[in-house]
Amino acid sequence: VGLLVSGMILKAGLETGHQSVLELVDAAVPSQVLDPFKQTILQVEGVKGCHHLRGRRAGSSLYLDVNIEVDPFSSVSAAHDVGENVRRQIQKSHPEVAEVFIHIEPAISHVLPGIMDQQGNTHQKNYQNRTVFPECKEIEDIVSNILSSKFSEKMVIKRMTRHLLQGKILLQIEVSMPPDILIRDAMKLAEEAEKDILKAVSDVIQVCFLLRLGHSIPHFYHELQETNTEESQNTLP
């Protein structure tokens, strides 16, 4: 009987000691415990997927680390807002979480297959073997030379955005055109320019032309700031 009682006391002591040690050091959270957190993340608007969800306990606090996927063509501010919404929703639905560390990545699984189908297997092999890509300035110079030499009377570059998706480059080029140009002529010019750019820059797999129909966003923002400043000054006593 004495041995049995001693064994029970020893077992209880070991369990208590083990729990105390876990309270003092970081301890990984089992994957099955993380499933509710994953479901909460995937329900947030703008989240296209999540992976590498990890959790650890430090004392009585729970910390999460997760990679979320967002629209690869969304703006930096929009992607950041999605991340903040994930953080708020996690802390609202799971108050035991002390902090969430969020890494934002472009969701490419629903974008690249259709694009790659258009490019053929040769291009795909070239991208897989390539590790170094042209600098943004180099691409801009090539594109600018093409448009200025062949399309200068009909097309002027206003802004160029480079999207990198698994080492593949997609270009969005914002241009201005004469106000009297016909839509079909503008489309034909864009198709011709895209062909020339794809031939000149092998790392680019798709070019999208956007026609500017007003002020650019930075210009509009500057005007808005000036208007707000003037209104504030007018309301001062």
C-alpha atoms as a PDB file:
ATOM      1  CA  VAL A   1       0.000   0.000   0.000  1.00  0.00           C
ATOM      2  CA  GLY A   2       2.830   2.344   0.875  1.00  0.00           C
ATOM      3  CA  LEU A   3       4.475   1.753  -2.490  1.00  0.00           C
ATOM      4  CA  LEU A   4       1.186   2.434  -4.262  1.00  0.00           C
ATOM      5  CA  VAL A   5       0.686   5.700  -2.423  1.00  0.00           C
ATOM      6  CA  SER A   6       4.279   6.708  -3.088  1.00  0.00           C
ATOM      7  CA  GLY A   7       3.834   5.918  -6.766  1.00  0.00           C
ATOM      8  CA  MET A   8       0.697   8.052  -6.981  1.00  0.00           C
ATOM      9  CA  ILE A   9       2.442  10.955  -5.252  1.00  0.00           C
ATOM     10  CA  LEU A  10       5.431  10.618  -7.606  1.00  0.00           C
ATOM     11  CA  LYS A  11       3.158  10.560 -10.662  1.00  0.00           C
ATOM     12  CA  ALA A  12       1.269  13.656  -9.526  1.00  0.00           C
ATOM     13  CA  GLY A  13       4.551  15.416  -8.812  1.00  0.00           C
ATOM     14  CA  LEU A  14       5.954  14.623 -12.246  1.00  0.00           C
ATOM     15  CA  GLU A  15       2.793  15.835 -13.982  1.00  0.00           C
ATOM     16  CA  THR A  16       2.785  19.074 -11.997  1.00  0.00           C
ATOM     17  CA  GLY A  17       6.466  19.586 -12.609  1.00  0.00           C
ATOM     18  CA  HIS A  18       6.092  18.948 -16.334  1.00  0.00           C
ATOM     19  CA  GLN A  19       3.264  21.497 -16.574  1.00  0.00           C
ATOM     20  CA  SER A  20       5.338  24.029 -14.641  1.00  0.00           C
ATOM     21  CA  VAL A  21       8.254  23.559 -17.021  1.00  0.00           C
ATOM     22  CA  LEU A  22       5.942  24.133 -19.995  1.00  0.00           C
ATOM     23  CA  GLU A  23       4.780  27.369 -18.374  1.00  0.00           C
ATOM     24  CA  LEU A  24       8.371  28.594 -18.221  1.00  0.00           C
ATOM     25  CA  VAL A  25       9.585  27.643 -21.719  1.00  0.00           C
ATOM     26  CA  ASP A  26       8.233  27.839 -25.263  1.00  0.00           C
ATOM     27  CA  ALA A  27       6.160  24.809 -26.237  1.00  0.00           C
ATOM     28  CA  ALA A  28       4.878  24.015 -29.735  1.00  0.00           C
ATOM     29  CA  VAL A  29       1.126  23.706 -30.186  1.00  0.00           C
ATOM     30  CA  PRO A  30      -0.133  20.460 -31.813  1.00  0.00           C
ATOM     31  CA  SER A  31      -1.478  20.867 -35.348  1.00  0.00           C
ATOM     32  CA  GLN A  32      -4.963  19.648 -34.445  1.00  0.00           C
ATOM     33  CA  VAL A  33      -5.245  22.459 -31.896  1.00  0.00           C
ATOM     34  CA  LEU A  34      -4.522  24.988 -34.676  1.00  0.00           C
ATOM     35  CA  ASP A  35      -7.407  23.917 -36.923  1.00  0.00           C
ATOM     36  CA  PRO A  36      -9.962  26.381 -35.397  1.00  0.00           C
ATOM     37  CA  PHE A  37      -7.506  29.238 -35.938  1.00  0.00           C
ATOM     38  CA  LYS A  38      -7.046  28.231 -39.585  1.00  0.00           C
ATOM     39  CA  GLN A  39     -10.803  28.207 -40.163  1.00  0.00           C
ATOM     40  CA  THR A  40     -11.080  31.683 -38.655  1.00  0.00           C
ATOM     41  CA  ILE A  41      -8.316  32.982 -40.943  1.00  0.00           C
ATOM     42  CA  LEU A  42      -9.847  31.509 -44.106  1.00  0.00           C
ATOM     43  CA  GLN A  43     -13.185  33.174 -43.343  1.00  0.00           C
ATOM     44  CA  VAL A  44     -11.668  36.672 -43.436  1.00  0.00           C
ATOM     45  CA  GLU A  45     -12.540  38.542 -46.629  1.00  0.00           C
ATOM     46  CA  GLY A  46      -9.588  38.857 -48.989  1.00  0.00           C
ATOM     47  CA  VAL A  47      -7.742  35.783 -47.737  1.00  0.00           C
ATOM     48  CA  LYS A  48      -7.166  33.355 -50.616  1.00  0.00           C
ATOM     49  CA  GLY A  49      -5.367  30.742 -48.549  1.00  0.00           C
ATOM     50  CA  CYS A  50      -3.027  30.198 -45.618  1.00  0.00           C
ATOM     51  CA  HIS A  51      -0.151  27.866 -44.792  1.00  0.00           C
ATOM     52  CA  HIS A  52       2.728  27.382 -42.356  1.00  0.00           C
ATOM     53  CA  LEU A  53       0.406  28.045 -39.430  1.00  0.00           C
ATOM     54  CA  ARG A  54       2.403  27.529 -36.259  1.00  0.00           C
ATOM     55  CA  GLY A  55       1.652  28.143 -32.621  1.00  0.00           C
ATOM     56  CA  ARG A  56       3.712  28.243 -29.459  1.00  0.00           C
ATOM     57  CA  ARG A  57       2.996  28.794 -25.816  1.00  0.00           C
ATOM     58  CA  ALA A  58       5.238  30.998 -23.692  1.00  0.00           C
ATOM     59  CA  GLY A  59       4.006  30.792 -20.159  1.00  0.00           C
ATOM     60  CA  SER A  60       0.264  31.326 -20.231  1.00  0.00           C
ATOM     61  CA  SER A  61       0.375  33.208 -23.572  1.00  0.00           C
ATOM     62  CA  LEU A  62      -0.316  31.753 -27.010  1.00  0.00           C
ATOM     63  CA  TYR A  63       1.465  33.118 -30.080  1.00  0.00           C
ATOM     64  CA  LEU A  64       0.571  32.342 -33.694  1.00  0.00           C
ATOM     65  CA  ASP A  65       2.645  32.630 -36.854  1.00  0.00           C
ATOM     66  CA  VAL A  66       0.968  32.257 -40.249  1.00  0.00           C
ATOM     67  CA  ASN A  67       1.488  32.944 -43.955  1.00  0.00           C
ATOM     68  CA  ILE A  68      -1.657  34.234 -45.653  1.00  0.00           C
ATOM     69  CA  GLU A  69      -2.230  34.513 -49.398  1.00  0.00           C
ATOM     70  CA  VAL A  70      -3.943  37.535 -50.949  1.00  0.00           C
ATOM     71  CA  ASP A  71      -4.797  38.745 -54.441  1.00  0.00           C
ATOM     72  CA  PRO A  72      -1.408  39.092 -56.192  1.00  0.00           C
ATOM     73  CA  PHE A  73      -2.578  42.208 -58.007  1.00  0.00           C
ATOM     74  CA  SER A  74      -3.926  44.036 -54.964  1.00  0.00           C
ATOM     75  CA  SER A  75      -2.173  47.155 -53.728  1.00  0.00           C
ATOM     76  CA  VAL A  76       0.230  47.121 -50.793  1.00  0.00           C
ATOM     77  CA  SER A  77      -2.271  49.017 -48.649  1.00  0.00           C
ATOM     78  CA  ALA A  78      -5.092  46.585 -49.501  1.00  0.00           C
ATOM     79  CA  ALA A  79      -2.926  43.551 -48.698  1.00  0.00           C
ATOM     80  CA  HIS A  80      -1.882  45.152 -45.412  1.00  0.00           C
ATOM     81  CA  ASP A  81      -5.544  45.775 -44.565  1.00  0.00           C
ATOM     82  CA  VAL A  82      -6.349  42.083 -45.125  1.00  0.00           C
ATOM     83  CA  GLY A  83      -3.550  41.169 -42.736  1.00  0.00           C
ATOM     84  CA  GLU A  84      -4.853  43.542 -40.084  1.00  0.00           C
ATOM     85  CA  ASN A  85      -8.364  42.121 -40.487  1.00  0.00           C
ATOM     86  CA  VAL A  86      -6.956  38.639 -39.897  1.00  0.00           C
ATOM     87  CA  ARG A  87      -5.238  39.853 -36.740  1.00  0.00           C
ATOM     88  CA  ARG A  88      -8.404  41.503 -35.418  1.00  0.00           C
ATOM     89  CA  GLN A  89     -10.587  38.483 -36.196  1.00  0.00           C
ATOM     90  CA  ILE A  90      -8.180  36.064 -34.506  1.00  0.00           C
ATOM     91  CA  GLN A  91      -8.017  38.170 -31.347  1.00  0.00           C
ATOM     92  CA  LYS A  92     -11.798  38.618 -31.356  1.00  0.00           C
ATOM     93  CA  SER A  93     -12.657  34.940 -31.890  1.00  0.00           C
ATOM     94  CA  HIS A  94      -9.769  33.530 -29.839  1.00  0.00           C
ATOM     95  CA  PRO A  95      -8.992  35.877 -26.919  1.00  0.00           C
ATOM     96  CA  GLU A  96      -6.409  33.414 -25.573  1.00  0.00           C
ATOM     97  CA  VAL A  97      -4.075  34.468 -28.425  1.00  0.00           C
ATOM     98  CA  ALA A  98      -1.639  37.132 -27.233  1.00  0.00           C
ATOM     99  CA  GLU A  99      -0.168  38.003 -30.645  1.00  0.00           C
ATOM    100  CA  VAL A 100      -0.369  36.977 -34.304  1.00  0.00           C
ATOM    101  CA  PHE A 101       2.640  37.276 -36.614  1.00  0.00           C
ATOM    102  CA  ILE A 102       1.351  37.513 -40.188  1.00  0.00           C
ATOM    103  CA  HIS A 103       3.373  37.102 -43.383  1.00  0.00           C
ATOM    104  CA  ILE A 104       1.589  38.171 -46.570  1.00  0.00           C
ATOM    105  CA  GLU A 105       2.216  36.383 -49.869  1.00  0.00           C
ATOM    106  CA  PRO A 106       0.642  36.583 -53.339  1.00  0.00           C
ATOM    107  CA  ALA A 107      -1.873  33.861 -54.141  1.00  0.00           C
ATOM    108  CA  ILE A 108      -0.590  32.427 -57.408  1.00  0.00           C
ATOM    109  CA  SER A 109      -2.315  29.055 -57.598  1.00  0.00           C
ATOM    110  CA  HIS A 110      -5.391  30.478 -59.362  1.00  0.00           C
ATOM    111  CA  VAL A 111      -3.444  32.905 -61.580  1.00  0.00           C
ATOM    112  CA  LEU A 112      -0.451  31.133 -63.119  1.00  0.00           C
ATOM    113  CA  PRO A 113      -1.980  27.957 -64.640  1.00  0.00           C
ATOM    114  CA  GLY A 114      -4.001  29.869 -67.231  1.00  0.00           C
ATOM    115  CA  ILE A 115      -1.093  32.140 -68.055  1.00  0.00           C
ATOM    116  CA  MET A 116       1.397  29.316 -68.372  1.00  0.00           C
ATOM    117  CA  ASP A 117      -0.941  27.396 -70.666  1.00  0.00           C
ATOM    118  CA  GLN A 118      -0.705  30.306 -73.090  1.00  0.00           C
ATOM    119  CA  GLN A 119       3.106  30.373 -73.021  1.00  0.00           C
ATOM    120  CA  GLY A 120       3.971  26.748 -73.753  1.00  0.00           C
ATOM    121  CA  ASN A 121       6.366  24.295 -72.133  1.00  0.00           C
ATOM    122  CA  THR A 122       9.534  25.934 -73.508  1.00  0.00           C
ATOM    123  CA  HIS A 123       8.937  29.141 -71.588  1.00  0.00           C
ATOM    124  CA  GLN A 124       8.088  27.179 -68.466  1.00  0.00           C
ATOM    125  CA  LYS A 125      11.403  25.291 -68.554  1.00  0.00           C
ATOM    126  CA  ASN A 126      13.318  28.530 -69.043  1.00  0.00           C
ATOM    127  CA  TYR A 127      11.692  30.069 -65.953  1.00  0.00           C
ATOM    128  CA  GLN A 128      12.404  27.018 -63.833  1.00  0.00           C
ATOM    129  CA  ASN A 129      16.091  27.095 -64.757  1.00  0.00           C
ATOM    130  CA  ARG A 130      16.522  30.862 -64.366  1.00  0.00           C
ATOM    131  CA  THR A 131      17.482  32.356 -61.014  1.00  0.00           C
ATOM    132  CA  VAL A 132      18.480  35.931 -61.973  1.00  0.00           C
ATOM    133  CA  PHE A 133      16.033  38.387 -63.506  1.00  0.00           C
ATOM    134  CA  PRO A 134      16.474  41.826 -65.072  1.00  0.00           C
ATOM    135  CA  GLU A 135      16.330  44.834 -62.784  1.00  0.00           C
ATOM    136  CA  CYS A 136      13.164  46.923 -62.875  1.00  0.00           C
ATOM    137  CA  LYS A 137      15.073  49.850 -64.436  1.00  0.00           C
ATOM    138  CA  GLU A 138      16.390  47.603 -67.207  1.00  0.00           C
ATOM    139  CA  ILE A 139      12.888  46.426 -68.108  1.00  0.00           C
ATOM    140  CA  GLU A 140      11.532  49.965 -68.003  1.00  0.00           C
ATOM    141  CA  ASP A 141      14.276  51.144 -70.374  1.00  0.00           C
ATOM    142  CA  ILE A 142      13.562  48.364 -72.879  1.00  0.00           C
ATOM    143  CA  VAL A 143       9.810  48.949 -72.828  1.00  0.00           C
ATOM    144  CA  SER A 144      10.234  52.726 -73.070  1.00  0.00           C
ATOM    145  CA  ASN A 145      12.527  52.362 -76.089  1.00  0.00           C
ATOM    146  CA  ILE A 146      10.037  50.076 -77.849  1.00  0.00           C
ATOM    147  CA  LEU A 147       7.060  52.359 -77.305  1.00  0.00           C
ATOM    148  CA  SER A 148       8.940  55.575 -78.067  1.00  0.00           C
ATOM    149  CA  SER A 149      10.426  54.218 -81.295  1.00  0.00           C
ATOM    150  CA  LYS A 150       7.289  52.589 -82.763  1.00  0.00           C
ATOM    151  CA  PHE A 151       4.248  53.951 -80.937  1.00  0.00           C
ATOM    152  CA  SER A 152       5.249  57.424 -79.709  1.00  0.00           C
ATOM    153  CA  GLU A 153       2.481  59.229 -81.629  1.00  0.00           C
ATOM    154  CA  LYS A 154      -0.283  57.026 -80.225  1.00  0.00           C
ATOM    155  CA  MET A 155       0.920  55.800 -76.842  1.00  0.00           C
ATOM    156  CA  VAL A 156       2.759  57.462 -73.920  1.00  0.00           C
ATOM    157  CA  ILE A 157       3.788  55.583 -70.799  1.00  0.00           C
ATOM    158  CA  LYS A 158       2.460  57.047 -67.560  1.00  0.00           C
ATOM    159  CA  ARG A 159       3.191  54.242 -65.121  1.00  0.00           C
ATOM    160  CA  MET A 160       4.654  50.743 -65.216  1.00  0.00           C
ATOM    161  CA  THR A 161       4.107  48.081 -62.561  1.00  0.00           C
ATOM    162  CA  ARG A 162       6.042  44.828 -62.419  1.00  0.00           C
ATOM    163  CA  HIS A 163       4.462  41.779 -60.759  1.00  0.00           C
ATOM    164  CA  LEU A 164       6.766  38.908 -59.759  1.00  0.00           C
ATOM    165  CA  LEU A 165       4.966  35.594 -59.320  1.00  0.00           C
ATOM    166  CA  GLN A 166       7.294  32.663 -58.656  1.00  0.00           C
ATOM    167  CA  GLY A 167       9.983  34.341 -60.702  1.00  0.00           C
ATOM    168  CA  LYS A 168       7.635  35.061 -63.586  1.00  0.00           C
ATOM    169  CA  ILE A 169       7.152  38.688 -64.588  1.00  0.00           C
ATOM    170  CA  LEU A 170       3.816  40.245 -65.503  1.00  0.00           C
ATOM    171  CA  LEU A 171       3.801  43.865 -66.616  1.00  0.00           C
ATOM    172  CA  GLN A 172       0.969  46.356 -66.160  1.00  0.00           C
ATOM    173  CA  ILE A 173       1.592  49.444 -68.273  1.00  0.00           C
ATOM    174  CA  GLU A 174      -0.589  52.504 -67.824  1.00  0.00           C
ATOM    175  CA  VAL A 175      -0.597  54.681 -70.945  1.00  0.00           C
ATOM    176  CA  SER A 176      -2.316  57.716 -72.368  1.00  0.00           C
ATOM    177  CA  MET A 177      -3.623  57.870 -75.946  1.00  0.00           C
ATOM    178  CA  PRO A 178      -5.109  60.574 -78.197  1.00  0.00           C
ATOM    179  CA  PRO A 179      -8.710  61.366 -77.153  1.00  0.00           C
ATOM    180  CA  ASP A 180     -10.025  60.724 -80.669  1.00  0.00           C
ATOM    181  CA  ILE A 181      -8.546  57.242 -81.066  1.00  0.00           C
ATOM    182  CA  LEU A 182     -11.007  54.426 -81.727  1.00  0.00           C
ATOM    183  CA  ILE A 183     -11.234  51.550 -79.276  1.00  0.00           C
ATOM    184  CA  ARG A 184     -10.423  48.947 -81.938  1.00  0.00           C
ATOM    185  CA  ASP A 185      -7.321  50.925 -82.967  1.00  0.00           C
ATOM    186  CA  ALA A 186      -6.200  51.208 -79.342  1.00  0.00           C
ATOM    187  CA  MET A 187      -6.619  47.457 -78.875  1.00  0.00           C
ATOM    188  CA  LYS A 188      -4.609  46.757 -82.021  1.00  0.00           C
ATOM    189  CA  LEU A 189      -1.797  49.033 -80.847  1.00  0.00           C
ATOM    190  CA  ALA A 190      -1.734  47.296 -77.458  1.00  0.00           C
ATOM    191  CA  GLU A 191      -1.528  43.865 -79.107  1.00  0.00           C
ATOM    192  CA  GLU A 192       1.352  44.938 -81.347  1.00  0.00           C
ATOM    193  CA  ALA A 193       3.223  46.545 -78.459  1.00  0.00           C
ATOM    194  CA  GLU A 194       2.756  43.466 -76.282  1.00  0.00           C
ATOM    195  CA  LYS A 195       4.232  41.209 -78.986  1.00  0.00           C
ATOM    196  CA  ASP A 196       7.282  43.450 -79.325  1.00  0.00           C
ATOM    197  CA  ILE A 197       7.823  43.562 -75.549  1.00  0.00           C
ATOM    198  CA  LEU A 198       7.516  39.783 -75.172  1.00  0.00           C
ATOM    199  CA  LYS A 199      10.118  39.310 -77.903  1.00  0.00           C
ATOM    200  CA  ALA A 200      12.506  41.824 -76.352  1.00  0.00           C
ATOM    201  CA  VAL A 201      12.211  40.733 -72.702  1.00  0.00           C
ATOM    202  CA  SER A 202      12.171  36.953 -72.412  1.00  0.00           C
ATOM    203  CA  ASP A 203      11.431  37.043 -68.677  1.00  0.00           C
ATOM    204  CA  VAL A 204       8.070  38.764 -69.235  1.00  0.00           C
ATOM    205  CA  ILE A 205       5.234  36.312 -69.850  1.00  0.00           C
ATOM    206  CA  GLN A 206       2.317  38.741 -70.094  1.00  0.00           C
ATOM    207  CA  VAL A 207       1.733  42.446 -70.684  1.00  0.00           C
ATOM    208  CA  CYS A 208      -1.454  44.260 -69.721  1.00  0.00           C
ATOM    209  CA  PHE A 209      -2.074  47.784 -71.042  1.00  0.00           C
ATOM    210  CA  LEU A 210      -4.282  50.153 -69.034  1.00  0.00           C
ATOM    211  CA  LEU A 211      -5.629  53.381 -70.531  1.00  0.00           C
ATOM    212  CA  ARG A 212      -5.520  56.375 -68.198  1.00  0.00           C
ATOM    213  CA  LEU A 213      -8.751  58.352 -68.333  1.00  0.00           C
ATOM    214  CA  GLY A 214      -8.039  61.003 -65.721  1.00  0.00           C
ATOM    215  CA  HIS A 215      -5.605  62.046 -63.011  1.00  0.00           C
ATOM    216  CA  SER A 216      -3.261  59.481 -61.544  1.00  0.00           C
ATOM    217  CA  ILE A 217      -3.856  58.390 -57.949  1.00  0.00           C
ATOM    218  CA  PRO A 218      -0.815  60.251 -56.514  1.00  0.00           C
ATOM    219  CA  HIS A 219      -1.944  63.419 -58.320  1.00  0.00           C
ATOM    220  CA  PHE A 220      -5.495  63.020 -57.026  1.00  0.00           C
ATOM    221  CA  TYR A 221      -4.216  62.365 -53.502  1.00  0.00           C
ATOM    222  CA  HIS A 222      -2.086  65.514 -53.645  1.00  0.00           C
ATOM    223  CA  GLU A 223      -5.090  67.574 -54.745  1.00  0.00           C
ATOM    224  CA  LEU A 224      -7.208  66.041 -51.988  1.00  0.00           C
ATOM    225  CA  GLN A 225      -4.585  66.916 -49.387  1.00  0.00           C
ATOM    226  CA  GLU A 226      -4.464  70.523 -50.623  1.00  0.00           C
ATOM    227  CA  THR A 227      -8.261  70.763 -50.495  1.00  0.00           C
ATOM    228  CA  ASN A 228      -8.363  69.426 -46.936  1.00  0.00           C
ATOM    229  CA  THR A 229      -5.636  71.880 -45.894  1.00  0.00           C
ATOM    230  CA  GLU A 230      -7.526  74.814 -47.380  1.00  0.00           C
ATOM    231  CA  GLU A 231     -10.759  73.742 -45.694  1.00  0.00           C
ATOM    232  CA  SER A 232      -8.976  73.447 -42.353  1.00  0.00           C
ATOM    233  CA  GLN A 233      -7.494  76.912 -42.711  1.00  0.00           C
ATOM    234  CA  ASN A 234     -10.877  78.371 -43.629  1.00  0.00           C
ATOM    235  CA  THR A 235     -12.504  76.913 -40.526  1.00  0.00           C
ATOM    236  CA  LEU A 236      -9.914  78.380 -38.163  1.00  0.00           C
ATOM    237  CA  PRO A 237     -11.225  81.337 -36.090  1.00  0.00           C
END
